[in-house]
Amino acid sequence: MLRPDDVRAASAFLDRVVVDELIKRSDAALAREVVSLGFSSPWGPAWAGELTADLSELRDFFAAAAAAGDAMVKFESA
């Protein structure tokens, strides 16, 4: 469970992340991860664009939750 303070902290962190720079710096690691997970299409600009969009949506989601003072339940599955 993420309490409201945790949600605000996560939102503040995500707000400081420059997504394009993070993806560029992580390019080689992301390419290796795509291969290790067995995807048929290699890492490239299309994947980078999708990841950028996903991270932007995540940032917006946390920002809205933080502004509302919401808590979150984090669920992990294998």
PDB file of N, CA and C in Angstrom:
ATOM      1  N   MET A   1       0.842  -1.174   0.000  1.00  0.00           N
ATOM      2  CA  MET A   1       0.000   0.000   0.000  1.00  0.00           C
ATOM      3  C   MET A   1       0.889   1.238   0.000  1.00  0.00           C
ATOM      4  N   LEU A   2       0.544   2.168  -0.825  1.00  0.00           N
ATOM      5  CA  LEU A   2       1.235   3.463  -0.821  1.00  0.00           C
ATOM      6  C   LEU A   2       0.310   4.460  -0.123  1.00  0.00           C
ATOM      7  N   ARG A   3       0.767   4.978   0.975  1.00  0.00           N
ATOM      8  CA  ARG A   3      -0.012   5.976   1.693  1.00  0.00           C
ATOM      9  C   ARG A   3       0.063   7.302   0.932  1.00  0.00           C
ATOM     10  N   PRO A   4      -0.826   8.244   1.235  1.00  0.00           N
ATOM     11  CA  PRO A   4      -0.810   9.521   0.503  1.00  0.00           C
ATOM     12  C   PRO A   4       0.565  10.193   0.457  1.00  0.00           C
ATOM     13  N   ASP A   5       1.323  10.129   1.553  1.00  0.00           N
ATOM     14  CA  ASP A   5       2.675  10.715   1.534  1.00  0.00           C
ATOM     15  C   ASP A   5       3.583   9.978   0.544  1.00  0.00           C
ATOM     16  N   ASP A   6       3.426   8.661   0.465  1.00  0.00           N
ATOM     17  CA  ASP A   6       4.216   7.872  -0.484  1.00  0.00           C
ATOM     18  C   ASP A   6       3.844   8.221  -1.928  1.00  0.00           C
ATOM     19  N   VAL A   7       2.549   8.400  -2.158  1.00  0.00           N
ATOM     20  CA  VAL A   7       2.076   8.765  -3.495  1.00  0.00           C
ATOM     21  C   VAL A   7       2.630  10.128  -3.888  1.00  0.00           C
ATOM     22  N   ARG A   8       2.614  11.070  -2.944  1.00  0.00           N
ATOM     23  CA  ARG A   8       3.177  12.403  -3.230  1.00  0.00           C
ATOM     24  C   ARG A   8       4.670  12.311  -3.523  1.00  0.00           C
ATOM     25  N   ALA A   9       5.381  11.491  -2.764  1.00  0.00           N
ATOM     26  CA  ALA A   9       6.827  11.331  -2.984  1.00  0.00           C
ATOM     27  C   ALA A   9       7.096  10.700  -4.357  1.00  0.00           C
ATOM     28  N   ALA A  10       6.325   9.687  -4.707  1.00  0.00           N
ATOM     29  CA  ALA A  10       6.495   9.052  -6.017  1.00  0.00           C
ATOM     30  C   ALA A  10       6.175  10.037  -7.134  1.00  0.00           C
ATOM     31  N   SER A  11       5.136  10.823  -6.939  1.00  0.00           N
ATOM     32  CA  SER A  11       4.761  11.825  -7.942  1.00  0.00           C
ATOM     33  C   SER A  11       5.872  12.859  -8.111  1.00  0.00           C
ATOM     34  N   ALA A  12       6.428  13.310  -6.997  1.00  0.00           N
ATOM     35  CA  ALA A  12       7.517  14.293  -7.066  1.00  0.00           C
ATOM     36  C   ALA A  12       8.725  13.707  -7.797  1.00  0.00           C
ATOM     37  N   PHE A  13       9.037  12.440  -7.529  1.00  0.00           N
ATOM     38  CA  PHE A  13      10.149  11.782  -8.213  1.00  0.00           C
ATOM     39  C   PHE A  13       9.875  11.707  -9.717  1.00  0.00           C
ATOM     40  N   LEU A  14       8.691  11.217 -10.087  1.00  0.00           N
ATOM     41  CA  LEU A  14       8.349  11.075 -11.502  1.00  0.00           C
ATOM     42  C   LEU A  14       8.323  12.420 -12.209  1.00  0.00           C
ATOM     43  N   ASP A  15       7.960  13.459 -11.486  1.00  0.00           N
ATOM     44  CA  ASP A  15       7.918  14.792 -12.079  1.00  0.00           C
ATOM     45  C   ASP A  15       9.320  15.299 -12.442  1.00  0.00           C
ATOM     46  N   ARG A  16      10.328  14.809 -11.725  1.00  0.00           N
ATOM     47  CA  ARG A  16      11.711  15.249 -11.976  1.00  0.00           C
ATOM     48  C   ARG A  16      12.405  14.435 -13.067  1.00  0.00           C
ATOM     49  N   VAL A  17      11.853  13.285 -13.408  1.00  0.00           N
ATOM     50  CA  VAL A  17      12.478  12.413 -14.406  1.00  0.00           C
ATOM     51  C   VAL A  17      12.270  13.004 -15.801  1.00  0.00           C
ATOM     52  N   VAL A  18      13.361  13.173 -16.513  1.00  0.00           N
ATOM     53  CA  VAL A  18      13.296  13.593 -17.912  1.00  0.00           C
ATOM     54  C   VAL A  18      13.284  12.306 -18.731  1.00  0.00           C
ATOM     55  N   VAL A  19      12.094  11.907 -19.128  1.00  0.00           N
ATOM     56  CA  VAL A  19      11.875  10.592 -19.712  1.00  0.00           C
ATOM     57  C   VAL A  19      12.737  10.355 -20.949  1.00  0.00           C
ATOM     58  N   ASP A  20      12.777  11.283 -21.863  1.00  0.00           N
ATOM     59  CA  ASP A  20      13.563  11.088 -23.085  1.00  0.00           C
ATOM     60  C   ASP A  20      15.033  10.844 -22.773  1.00  0.00           C
ATOM     61  N   GLU A  21      15.582  11.594 -21.837  1.00  0.00           N
ATOM     62  CA  GLU A  21      16.984  11.415 -21.467  1.00  0.00           C
ATOM     63  C   GLU A  21      17.202  10.070 -20.790  1.00  0.00           C
ATOM     64  N   LEU A  22      16.275   9.685 -19.918  1.00  0.00           N
ATOM     65  CA  LEU A  22      16.383   8.401 -19.238  1.00  0.00           C
ATOM     66  C   LEU A  22      16.393   7.257 -20.242  1.00  0.00           C
ATOM     67  N   ILE A  23      15.515   7.316 -21.214  1.00  0.00           N
ATOM     68  CA  ILE A  23      15.437   6.255 -22.221  1.00  0.00           C
ATOM     69  C   ILE A  23      16.694   6.243 -23.087  1.00  0.00           C
ATOM     70  N   LYS A  24      17.183   7.415 -23.467  1.00  0.00           N
ATOM     71  CA  LYS A  24      18.413   7.469 -24.273  1.00  0.00           C
ATOM     72  C   LYS A  24      19.595   6.880 -23.511  1.00  0.00           C
ATOM     73  N   ARG A  25      19.720   7.227 -22.217  1.00  0.00           N
ATOM     74  CA  ARG A  25      20.831   6.716 -21.407  1.00  0.00           C
ATOM     75  C   ARG A  25      20.708   5.222 -21.161  1.00  0.00           C
ATOM     76  N   SER A  26      19.487   4.701 -21.187  1.00  0.00           N
ATOM     77  CA  SER A  26      19.236   3.292 -20.889  1.00  0.00           C
ATOM     78  C   SER A  26      19.060   2.454 -22.152  1.00  0.00           C
ATOM     79  N   ASP A  27      19.351   3.016 -23.300  1.00  0.00           N
ATOM     80  CA  ASP A  27      19.089   2.366 -24.578  1.00  0.00           C
ATOM     81  C   ASP A  27      19.657   0.951 -24.654  1.00  0.00           C
ATOM     82  N   ALA A  28      20.918   0.784 -24.344  1.00  0.00           N
ATOM     83  CA  ALA A  28      21.549  -0.534 -24.449  1.00  0.00           C
ATOM     84  C   ALA A  28      20.940  -1.517 -23.450  1.00  0.00           C
ATOM     85  N   ALA A  29      20.694  -1.068 -22.239  1.00  0.00           N
ATOM     86  CA  ALA A  29      20.092  -1.948 -21.229  1.00  0.00           C
ATOM     87  C   ALA A  29      18.679  -2.354 -21.629  1.00  0.00           C
ATOM     88  N   LEU A  30      17.927  -1.419 -22.187  1.00  0.00           N
ATOM     89  CA  LEU A  30      16.572  -1.731 -22.633  1.00  0.00           C
ATOM     90  C   LEU A  30      16.600  -2.722 -23.793  1.00  0.00           C
ATOM     91  N   ALA A  31      17.541  -2.569 -24.699  1.00  0.00           N
ATOM     92  CA  ALA A  31      17.681  -3.504 -25.823  1.00  0.00           C
ATOM     93  C   ALA A  31      17.980  -4.908 -25.309  1.00  0.00           C
ATOM     94  N   ARG A  32      18.873  -5.018 -24.326  1.00  0.00           N
ATOM     95  CA  ARG A  32      19.194  -6.329 -23.746  1.00  0.00           C
ATOM     96  C   ARG A  32      17.974  -6.940 -23.062  1.00  0.00           C
ATOM     97  N   GLU A  33      17.211  -6.116 -22.364  1.00  0.00           N
ATOM     98  CA  GLU A  33      16.024  -6.620 -21.662  1.00  0.00           C
ATOM     99  C   GLU A  33      14.973  -7.136 -22.638  1.00  0.00           C
ATOM    100  N   VAL A  34      14.783  -6.444 -23.735  1.00  0.00           N
ATOM    101  CA  VAL A  34      13.823  -6.883 -24.754  1.00  0.00           C
ATOM    102  C   VAL A  34      14.237  -8.250 -25.301  1.00  0.00           C
ATOM    103  N   VAL A  35      15.518  -8.422 -25.560  1.00  0.00           N
ATOM    104  CA  VAL A  35      16.019  -9.713 -26.049  1.00  0.00           C
ATOM    105  C   VAL A  35      15.835 -10.787 -24.976  1.00  0.00           C
ATOM    106  N   SER A  36      16.196 -10.473 -23.730  1.00  0.00           N
ATOM    107  CA  SER A  36      16.129 -11.485 -22.668  1.00  0.00           C
ATOM    108  C   SER A  36      14.693 -11.935 -22.397  1.00  0.00           C
ATOM    109  N   LEU A  37      13.726 -11.077 -22.675  1.00  0.00           N
ATOM    110  CA  LEU A  37      12.323 -11.432 -22.464  1.00  0.00           C
ATOM    111  C   LEU A  37      11.725 -12.167 -23.658  1.00  0.00           C
ATOM    112  N   GLY A  38      12.510 -12.295 -24.736  1.00  0.00           N
ATOM    113  CA  GLY A  38      12.090 -13.103 -25.876  1.00  0.00           C
ATOM    114  C   GLY A  38      11.155 -12.427 -26.859  1.00  0.00           C
ATOM    115  N   PHE A  39      11.121 -11.112 -26.860  1.00  0.00           N
ATOM    116  CA  PHE A  39      10.272 -10.425 -27.829  1.00  0.00           C
ATOM    117  C   PHE A  39      10.823 -10.607 -29.235  1.00  0.00           C
ATOM    118  N   SER A  40       9.931 -10.716 -30.202  1.00  0.00           N
ATOM    119  CA  SER A  40      10.371 -10.934 -31.583  1.00  0.00           C
ATOM    120  C   SER A  40      10.833  -9.639 -32.255  1.00  0.00           C
ATOM    121  N   SER A  41      10.299  -8.514 -31.826  1.00  0.00           N
ATOM    122  CA  SER A  41      10.743  -7.242 -32.411  1.00  0.00           C
ATOM    123  C   SER A  41      11.821  -6.628 -31.524  1.00  0.00           C
ATOM    124  N   PRO A  42      12.895  -6.148 -32.131  1.00  0.00           N
ATOM    125  CA  PRO A  42      14.004  -5.589 -31.352  1.00  0.00           C
ATOM    126  C   PRO A  42      13.661  -4.209 -30.790  1.00  0.00           C
ATOM    127  N   TRP A  43      14.421  -3.821 -29.791  1.00  0.00           N
ATOM    128  CA  TRP A  43      14.304  -2.481 -29.216  1.00  0.00           C
ATOM    129  C   TRP A  43      14.619  -1.466 -30.298  1.00  0.00           C
ATOM    130  N   GLY A  44      13.863  -0.406 -30.356  1.00  0.00           N
ATOM    131  CA  GLY A  44      14.103   0.634 -31.343  1.00  0.00           C
ATOM    132  C   GLY A  44      13.210   1.828 -31.086  1.00  0.00           C
ATOM    133  N   PRO A  45      13.132   2.743 -32.037  1.00  0.00           N
ATOM    134  CA  PRO A  45      12.364   3.976 -31.857  1.00  0.00           C
ATOM    135  C   PRO A  45      10.886   3.749 -31.519  1.00  0.00           C
ATOM    136  N   ALA A  46      10.275   2.721 -32.097  1.00  0.00           N
ATOM    137  CA  ALA A  46       8.859   2.469 -31.789  1.00  0.00           C
ATOM    138  C   ALA A  46       8.683   2.089 -30.320  1.00  0.00           C
ATOM    139  N   TRP A  47       9.565   1.212 -29.824  1.00  0.00           N
ATOM    140  CA  TRP A  47       9.507   0.827 -28.409  1.00  0.00           C
ATOM    141  C   TRP A  47       9.772   2.043 -27.528  1.00  0.00           C
ATOM    142  N   ALA A  48      10.750   2.841 -27.892  1.00  0.00           N
ATOM    143  CA  ALA A  48      11.091   4.024 -27.094  1.00  0.00           C
ATOM    144  C   ALA A  48       9.901   4.976 -27.018  1.00  0.00           C
ATOM    145  N   GLY A  49       9.207   5.155 -28.140  1.00  0.00           N
ATOM    146  CA  GLY A  49       8.039   6.029 -28.152  1.00  0.00           C
ATOM    147  C   GLY A  49       6.928   5.510 -27.258  1.00  0.00           C
ATOM    148  N   GLU A  50       6.704   4.196 -27.285  1.00  0.00           N
ATOM    149  CA  GLU A  50       5.672   3.603 -26.430  1.00  0.00           C
ATOM    150  C   GLU A  50       6.039   3.728 -24.959  1.00  0.00           C
ATOM    151  N   LEU A  51       7.307   3.501 -24.643  1.00  0.00           N
ATOM    152  CA  LEU A  51       7.750   3.621 -23.256  1.00  0.00           C
ATOM    153  C   LEU A  51       7.636   5.064 -22.778  1.00  0.00           C
ATOM    154  N   THR A  52       7.982   6.009 -23.633  1.00  0.00           N
ATOM    155  CA  THR A  52       7.849   7.423 -23.290  1.00  0.00           C
ATOM    156  C   THR A  52       6.389   7.754 -22.981  1.00  0.00           C
ATOM    157  N   ALA A  53       5.488   7.283 -23.811  1.00  0.00           N
ATOM    158  CA  ALA A  53       4.056   7.533 -23.597  1.00  0.00           C
ATOM    159  C   ALA A  53       3.576   6.875 -22.307  1.00  0.00           C
ATOM    160  N   ASP A  54       4.003   5.641 -22.054  1.00  0.00           N
ATOM    161  CA  ASP A  54       3.597   4.942 -20.832  1.00  0.00           C
ATOM    162  C   ASP A  54       4.091   5.664 -19.579  1.00  0.00           C
ATOM    163  N   LEU A  55       5.348   6.091 -19.605  1.00  0.00           N
ATOM    164  CA  LEU A  55       5.889   6.793 -18.437  1.00  0.00           C
ATOM    165  C   LEU A  55       5.217   8.151 -18.231  1.00  0.00           C
ATOM    166  N   SER A  56       4.839   8.804 -19.302  1.00  0.00           N
ATOM    167  CA  SER A  56       4.110  10.070 -19.183  1.00  0.00           C
ATOM    168  C   SER A  56       2.734   9.840 -18.566  1.00  0.00           C
ATOM    169  N   GLU A  57       2.066   8.766 -18.980  1.00  0.00           N
ATOM    170  CA  GLU A  57       0.767   8.429 -18.388  1.00  0.00           C
ATOM    171  C   GLU A  57       0.909   8.086 -16.907  1.00  0.00           C
ATOM    172  N   LEU A  58       1.970   7.357 -16.564  1.00  0.00           N
ATOM    173  CA  LEU A  58       2.216   7.013 -15.169  1.00  0.00           C
ATOM    174  C   LEU A  58       2.452   8.271 -14.339  1.00  0.00           C
ATOM    175  N   ARG A  59       3.239   9.192 -14.870  1.00  0.00           N
ATOM    176  CA  ARG A  59       3.497  10.461 -14.174  1.00  0.00           C
ATOM    177  C   ARG A  59       2.185  11.217 -13.947  1.00  0.00           C
ATOM    178  N   ASP A  60       1.335  11.285 -14.970  1.00  0.00           N
ATOM    179  CA  ASP A  60       0.053  11.976 -14.846  1.00  0.00           C
ATOM    180  C   ASP A  60      -0.860  11.289 -13.832  1.00  0.00           C
ATOM    181  N   PHE A  61      -0.852   9.954 -13.823  1.00  0.00           N
ATOM    182  CA  PHE A  61      -1.670   9.190 -12.886  1.00  0.00           C
ATOM    183  C   PHE A  61      -1.261   9.488 -11.443  1.00  0.00           C
ATOM    184  N   PHE A  62       0.041   9.450 -11.182  1.00  0.00           N
ATOM    185  CA  PHE A  62       0.526   9.730  -9.830  1.00  0.00           C
ATOM    186  C   PHE A  62       0.281  11.187  -9.449  1.00  0.00           C
ATOM    187  N   ALA A  63       0.417  12.097 -10.387  1.00  0.00           N
ATOM    188  CA  ALA A  63       0.172  13.517 -10.105  1.00  0.00           C
ATOM    189  C   ALA A  63      -1.283  13.734  -9.699  1.00  0.00           C
ATOM    190  N   ALA A  64      -2.206  13.109 -10.410  1.00  0.00           N
ATOM    191  CA  ALA A  64      -3.629  13.253 -10.084  1.00  0.00           C
ATOM    192  C   ALA A  64      -3.934  12.637  -8.722  1.00  0.00           C
ATOM    193  N   ALA A  65      -3.372  11.476  -8.449  1.00  0.00           N
ATOM    194  CA  ALA A  65      -3.594  10.832  -7.155  1.00  0.00           C
ATOM    195  C   ALA A  65      -3.000  11.661  -6.015  1.00  0.00           C
ATOM    196  N   ALA A  66      -1.818  12.209  -6.246  1.00  0.00           N
ATOM    197  CA  ALA A  66      -1.183  13.040  -5.221  1.00  0.00           C
ATOM    198  C   ALA A  66      -2.007  14.296  -4.956  1.00  0.00           C
ATOM    199  N   ALA A  67      -2.493  14.912  -6.011  1.00  0.00           N
ATOM    200  CA  ALA A  67      -3.300  16.132  -5.858  1.00  0.00           C
ATOM    201  C   ALA A  67      -4.599  15.852  -5.101  1.00  0.00           C
ATOM    202  N   ALA A  68      -5.136  14.650  -5.275  1.00  0.00           N
ATOM    203  CA  ALA A  68      -6.386  14.281  -4.593  1.00  0.00           C
ATOM    204  C   ALA A  68      -6.143  13.768  -3.174  1.00  0.00           C
ATOM    205  N   GLY A  69      -4.869  13.546  -2.816  1.00  0.00           N
ATOM    206  CA  GLY A  69      -4.562  13.013  -1.499  1.00  0.00           C
ATOM    207  C   GLY A  69      -4.860  11.529  -1.378  1.00  0.00           C
ATOM    208  N   ASP A  70      -4.851  10.830  -2.506  1.00  0.00           N
ATOM    209  CA  ASP A  70      -5.206   9.413  -2.532  1.00  0.00           C
ATOM    210  C   ASP A  70      -4.048   8.524  -2.082  1.00  0.00           C
ATOM    211  N   ALA A  71      -4.426   7.382  -1.558  1.00  0.00           N
ATOM    212  CA  ALA A  71      -3.492   6.287  -1.324  1.00  0.00           C
ATOM    213  C   ALA A  71      -3.614   5.351  -2.511  1.00  0.00           C
ATOM    214  N   MET A  72      -2.688   4.395  -2.629  1.00  0.00           N
ATOM    215  CA  MET A  72      -2.766   3.411  -3.710  1.00  0.00           C
ATOM    216  C   MET A  72      -2.452   2.047  -3.156  1.00  0.00           C
ATOM    217  N   VAL A  73      -3.044   1.045  -3.771  1.00  0.00           N
ATOM    218  CA  VAL A  73      -2.720  -0.341  -3.480  1.00  0.00           C
ATOM    219  C   VAL A  73      -1.932  -0.855  -4.667  1.00  0.00           C
ATOM    220  N   LYS A  74      -0.746  -1.326  -4.399  1.00  0.00           N
ATOM    221  CA  LYS A  74       0.132  -1.832  -5.452  1.00  0.00           C
ATOM    222  C   LYS A  74       0.018  -3.357  -5.463  1.00  0.00           C
ATOM    223  N   PHE A  75      -0.291  -3.905  -6.625  1.00  0.00           N
ATOM    224  CA  PHE A  75      -0.455  -5.340  -6.777  1.00  0.00           C
ATOM    225  C   PHE A  75       0.625  -5.858  -7.712  1.00  0.00           C
ATOM    226  N   GLU A  76       1.328  -6.877  -7.298  1.00  0.00           N
ATOM    227  CA  GLU A  76       2.349  -7.482  -8.150  1.00  0.00           C
ATOM    228  C   GLU A  76       1.951  -8.912  -8.447  1.00  0.00           C
ATOM    229  N   SER A  77       2.169  -9.310  -9.675  1.00  0.00           N
ATOM    230  CA  SER A  77       1.929 -10.711 -10.034  1.00  0.00           C
ATOM    231  C   SER A  77       3.105 -11.230 -10.844  1.00  0.00           C
ATOM    232  N   ALA A  78       3.306 -12.500 -10.771  1.00  0.00           N
ATOM    233  CA  ALA A  78       4.436 -13.095 -11.501  1.00  0.00           C
ATOM    234  C   ALA A  78       3.976 -13.655 -12.816  1.00  0.00           C
TER     235      ALA A  78
END
